[in-house]
Amino acid sequence: MRRNHLLWLGPVLALFGVLSYFTIFYQWPILRDFPWLNLLLLLGAVAACWRGFVRARAAGGWRRIAGAMGMAWSIALTGLFGVYCFALSSSLPGAEQALAVGGAVPDVVLEDTQGTKVALRSPERTLLVFYRGHWCPFCMSELQDLQRGIAALHAAGTRVLAVSPESVEQNREVVEWLDLEYPILSDSELKATDGFGLRHAGIGPDGSDVPRPASYIVENGNVLWRNLTDNYRIRPRPGDILAALSSLDG
């Protein structure tokens, strides 16, 4: 009897459809914001499993059981991925306490990876990007995306500062790993995070508190613009920030 390759192809495709999102496709905002390619892979996996199951059912025996198991596996992975993308990734705390436009930037000084003390309250126009940590792939994707737009942001007269809850040493590793041309400030005591009202309790990998993802444009000690995503997969792109800067100057 002809081999039923779909019995293993479908489940493998389903597994790849899930894992590839967190290892490959998250790096591109167009695929990170809405994982359409991964969803297509998963739907293709379900279709392959269904076809394999139909063949296996006709063959009977162990092939029927294998086909049913592969079908159940692919449907389960597709369902879990959908729940994660459209429900669980929106499990961020409310933003009622977050510093609003017009609010005063807290008088906090943080240390960058070179040991330089940097004040968040400054006359210079600054983009502050709070992220959760190096363990968050979407945060790393956001930092990479900012790096791709750093020249345009600097040309718009804006310095870029990322704010991390991690140590100076860990931030240094991230800067070297991603080859960033802007500083990461260590907010390990969450003074800036609390000053901006962004604490997200117990969400760190060790149960620690971290910042809620957020982006702020500040100048002369005041907040001019903010973005408080309600889905931690989705962050503002450099183009969104440049548009905001243009509207502020308009």
Protein backbone atom coordinates (compact mmCIF):
# COMPACT_ATOMS: atom_id res chain seq x y z
CA MET A 1 0.00 0.00 0.00
CA ARG A 2 1.22 3.51 -0.80
CA ARG A 3 2.74 5.31 2.14
CA ASN A 4 0.66 8.01 3.75
CA HIS A 5 3.24 10.79 4.17
CA LEU A 6 0.57 13.18 5.39
CA LEU A 7 0.37 11.24 8.66
CA TRP A 8 3.65 12.83 9.75
CA LEU A 9 3.83 15.85 7.46
CA GLY A 10 0.74 17.52 8.93
CA PRO A 11 1.78 17.33 12.61
CA VAL A 12 5.34 18.44 11.79
CA LEU A 13 4.02 21.39 9.79
CA ALA A 14 1.76 22.34 12.71
CA LEU A 15 4.69 22.27 15.14
CA PHE A 16 6.79 24.36 12.77
CA GLY A 17 3.91 26.81 12.35
CA VAL A 18 3.93 27.50 16.10
CA LEU A 19 7.65 27.40 16.90
CA SER A 20 8.72 29.46 13.88
CA TYR A 21 6.68 32.42 15.10
CA PHE A 22 8.71 32.68 18.31
CA THR A 23 12.08 31.96 16.68
CA ILE A 24 11.93 33.54 13.22
CA PHE A 25 8.86 35.51 12.19
CA TYR A 26 8.44 37.62 15.34
CA GLN A 27 11.46 39.65 14.21
CA TRP A 28 9.45 41.38 11.46
CA PRO A 29 6.65 43.67 12.73
CA ILE A 30 4.48 42.88 9.70
CA LEU A 31 4.49 39.22 10.80
CA ARG A 32 4.68 39.89 14.54
CA ASP A 33 1.64 42.16 14.73
CA PHE A 34 -0.61 39.71 12.87
CA PRO A 35 0.93 36.25 12.37
CA TRP A 36 -0.81 35.57 9.09
CA LEU A 37 1.99 33.40 7.71
CA ASN A 38 1.97 31.17 10.79
CA LEU A 39 -1.81 30.92 10.65
CA LEU A 40 -1.57 29.83 7.01
CA LEU A 41 1.01 27.20 7.98
CA LEU A 42 -1.29 25.90 10.71
CA LEU A 43 -4.31 25.83 8.42
CA GLY A 44 -2.18 23.98 5.88
CA ALA A 45 -1.20 21.51 8.61
CA VAL A 46 -4.85 20.89 9.50
CA ALA A 47 -5.69 20.37 5.81
CA ALA A 48 -2.79 17.94 5.42
CA CYS A 49 -3.84 16.05 8.54
CA TRP A 50 -7.41 15.84 7.35
CA ARG A 51 -6.33 14.43 4.00
CA GLY A 52 -4.01 12.01 5.77
CA PHE A 53 -6.77 10.98 8.15
CA VAL A 54 -9.18 10.27 5.26
CA ARG A 55 -6.57 8.02 3.66
CA ALA A 56 -5.75 6.37 6.98
CA ARG A 57 -9.40 5.72 7.77
CA ALA A 58 -9.76 3.86 4.49
CA ALA A 59 -6.63 1.84 5.23
CA GLY A 60 -7.78 0.98 8.75
CA GLY A 61 -5.58 -0.47 11.49
CA TRP A 62 -2.88 1.59 13.16
CA ARG A 63 -2.99 4.16 10.35
CA ARG A 64 -6.49 5.19 11.37
CA ILE A 65 -5.32 5.78 14.96
CA ALA A 66 -2.22 7.67 13.79
CA GLY A 67 -4.33 9.83 11.50
CA ALA A 68 -6.76 10.68 14.30
CA MET A 69 -3.91 11.55 16.65
CA GLY A 70 -2.21 13.75 14.04
CA MET A 71 -5.50 15.51 13.34
CA ALA A 72 -6.10 16.14 17.04
CA TRP A 73 -2.52 17.39 17.51
CA SER A 74 -2.74 19.89 14.65
CA ILE A 75 -6.15 21.22 15.66
CA ALA A 76 -4.98 21.59 19.28
CA LEU A 77 -1.84 23.52 18.28
CA THR A 78 -3.84 25.75 15.95
CA GLY A 79 -6.38 26.48 18.67
CA LEU A 80 -3.75 27.19 21.33
CA PHE A 81 -1.84 29.48 18.98
CA GLY A 82 -5.01 31.38 18.16
CA VAL A 83 -5.89 31.77 21.84
CA TYR A 84 -2.39 33.02 22.60
CA CYS A 85 -2.29 35.54 19.75
CA PHE A 86 -5.78 36.95 20.16
CA ALA A 87 -6.41 36.62 23.90
CA LEU A 88 -3.46 35.81 26.13
CA SER A 89 -1.11 38.36 24.56
CA SER A 90 -3.59 41.07 25.55
CA SER A 91 -3.24 40.19 29.23
CA LEU A 92 -1.69 43.51 30.17
CA PRO A 93 -2.77 45.53 33.20
CA GLY A 94 -4.93 48.60 32.71
CA ALA A 95 -3.20 51.87 31.95
CA GLU A 96 -5.20 54.05 34.34
CA GLN A 97 -2.11 54.87 36.40
CA ALA A 98 0.17 55.50 33.42
CA LEU A 99 1.56 59.00 33.02
CA ALA A 100 -0.63 60.92 30.61
CA VAL A 101 0.17 63.46 27.91
CA GLY A 102 0.96 66.76 29.62
CA GLY A 103 2.22 65.03 32.76
CA ALA A 104 5.57 65.81 34.34
CA VAL A 105 8.41 63.38 33.71
CA PRO A 106 9.67 61.97 37.03
CA ASP A 107 13.03 63.28 38.20
CA VAL A 108 14.81 59.94 37.87
CA VAL A 109 18.43 59.30 36.90
CA LEU A 110 19.38 55.91 35.46
CA GLU A 111 22.65 54.32 34.40
CA ASP A 112 23.43 53.24 30.84
CA THR A 113 25.70 50.40 29.75
CA GLN A 114 28.76 52.67 29.84
CA GLY A 115 28.16 53.67 33.44
CA THR A 116 26.91 57.13 32.47
CA LYS A 117 24.13 58.66 34.55
CA VAL A 118 21.23 59.79 32.35
CA ALA A 119 18.37 61.99 33.54
CA LEU A 120 14.95 61.25 32.09
CA ARG A 121 13.83 64.82 32.75
CA SER A 122 15.67 66.82 30.10
CA PRO A 123 15.09 69.76 27.75
CA GLU A 124 16.03 67.47 24.87
CA ARG A 125 13.28 65.78 22.90
CA THR A 126 13.50 62.11 23.79
CA LEU A 127 11.79 58.86 22.91
CA LEU A 128 11.59 56.63 25.99
CA VAL A 129 10.85 52.98 25.29
CA PHE A 130 10.00 50.78 28.28
CA TYR A 131 10.34 47.06 27.67
CA ARG A 132 10.02 43.91 29.77
CA GLY A 133 13.43 42.27 29.43
CA HIS A 134 15.77 40.30 27.21
CA TRP A 135 13.65 37.17 27.77
CA CYS A 136 10.75 38.73 25.84
CA PRO A 137 11.21 38.05 22.08
CA PHE A 138 8.79 40.82 21.14
CA CYS A 139 10.81 43.33 23.15
CA MET A 140 13.96 42.28 21.33
CA SER A 141 12.13 42.63 18.03
CA GLU A 142 11.04 46.13 19.04
CA LEU A 143 14.61 47.13 19.88
CA GLN A 144 15.81 45.80 16.52
CA ASP A 145 13.06 47.70 14.74
CA LEU A 146 14.08 50.91 16.50
CA GLN A 147 17.67 50.31 15.42
CA ARG A 148 16.54 50.09 11.81
CA GLY A 149 14.90 53.51 12.19
CA ILE A 150 17.50 55.15 14.41
CA ALA A 151 18.98 57.37 11.69
CA ALA A 152 15.57 58.83 10.82
CA LEU A 153 14.72 59.37 14.49
CA HIS A 154 17.99 61.17 15.11
CA ALA A 155 17.46 63.23 11.96
CA ALA A 156 14.11 64.27 13.45
CA GLY A 157 15.97 65.71 16.42
CA THR A 158 15.03 62.95 18.85
CA ARG A 159 17.31 60.92 21.06
CA VAL A 160 16.25 57.36 21.79
CA LEU A 161 16.51 55.75 25.23
CA ALA A 162 15.34 52.24 26.04
CA VAL A 163 14.47 51.53 29.68
CA SER A 164 14.93 48.03 31.04
CA PRO A 165 14.23 46.46 34.45
CA GLU A 166 17.46 44.49 34.13
CA SER A 167 21.00 45.11 35.31
CA VAL A 168 23.62 47.21 33.55
CA GLU A 169 25.53 44.03 32.71
CA GLN A 170 22.50 42.37 31.12
CA ASN A 171 21.69 45.51 29.17
CA ARG A 172 25.27 45.60 27.90
CA GLU A 173 24.84 42.09 26.54
CA VAL A 174 21.65 43.13 24.75
CA VAL A 175 23.35 46.19 23.20
CA GLU A 176 26.21 44.03 21.93
CA TRP A 177 23.92 41.21 20.79
CA LEU A 178 21.63 43.49 18.76
CA ASP A 179 24.39 45.97 17.82
CA LEU A 180 22.32 48.91 19.05
CA GLU A 181 23.36 52.50 18.45
CA TYR A 182 21.25 53.90 21.27
CA PRO A 183 21.54 53.35 25.03
CA ILE A 184 19.64 51.04 27.31
CA LEU A 185 19.11 52.39 30.82
CA SER A 186 18.90 50.11 33.83
CA ASP A 187 15.76 50.61 35.92
CA SER A 188 16.39 47.62 38.17
CA GLU A 189 14.72 49.33 41.14
CA LEU A 190 11.73 50.27 38.93
CA LYS A 191 11.92 53.94 39.94
CA ALA A 192 11.23 55.15 36.40
CA THR A 193 8.67 52.39 35.86
CA ASP A 194 6.73 53.48 38.94
CA GLY A 195 7.19 57.16 38.09
CA PHE A 196 5.45 56.50 34.77
CA GLY A 197 2.85 54.22 36.39
CA LEU A 198 3.85 51.18 34.30
CA ARG A 199 4.50 48.42 36.85
CA HIS A 200 3.25 44.98 35.79
CA ALA A 201 3.39 42.77 38.85
CA GLY A 202 4.74 39.23 38.82
CA ILE A 203 5.10 38.80 35.08
CA GLY A 204 8.88 38.37 34.91
CA PRO A 205 10.34 34.89 34.32
CA ASP A 206 11.24 34.66 38.02
CA GLY A 207 7.98 36.20 39.19
CA SER A 208 9.47 39.69 39.39
CA ASP A 209 7.71 42.92 38.48
CA VAL A 210 8.52 44.49 35.11
CA PRO A 211 7.38 47.53 33.13
CA ARG A 212 4.29 47.41 31.02
CA PRO A 213 5.48 47.96 27.40
CA ALA A 214 5.13 51.66 26.58
CA SER A 215 6.65 54.41 24.45
CA TYR A 216 6.78 58.09 25.38
CA ILE A 217 7.98 61.22 23.64
CA VAL A 218 9.07 63.75 26.25
CA GLU A 219 10.62 67.22 26.12
CA ASN A 220 11.40 69.89 28.69
CA GLY A 221 10.26 67.56 31.44
CA ASN A 222 6.77 67.00 29.99
CA VAL A 223 5.05 64.16 28.15
CA LEU A 224 4.16 65.12 24.57
CA TRP A 225 2.97 61.74 23.27
CA ARG A 226 2.56 58.19 24.46
CA ASN A 227 1.71 54.74 23.14
CA LEU A 228 0.39 52.16 25.61
CA THR A 229 -0.12 48.98 23.65
CA ASP A 230 -2.89 46.68 24.84
CA ASN A 231 -1.16 43.68 23.25
CA TYR A 232 2.47 42.99 24.13
CA ARG A 233 3.13 41.56 20.66
CA ILE A 234 2.32 44.88 19.04
CA ARG A 235 4.59 47.90 19.48
CA PRO A 236 4.79 51.21 17.60
CA ARG A 237 7.08 51.14 14.59
CA PRO A 238 9.62 53.86 13.75
CA GLY A 239 7.22 55.13 11.10
CA ASP A 240 4.48 55.54 13.72
CA ILE A 241 6.86 57.46 15.97
CA LEU A 242 8.08 59.67 13.13
CA ALA A 243 4.46 60.47 12.28
CA ALA A 244 3.86 61.42 15.89
CA LEU A 245 6.95 63.65 15.90
CA SER A 246 5.76 65.31 12.71
CA SER A 247 2.34 66.01 14.22
CA LEU A 248 3.96 67.56 17.27
CA ASP A 249 5.90 69.93 15.05
CA GLY A 250 2.97 70.57 12.74
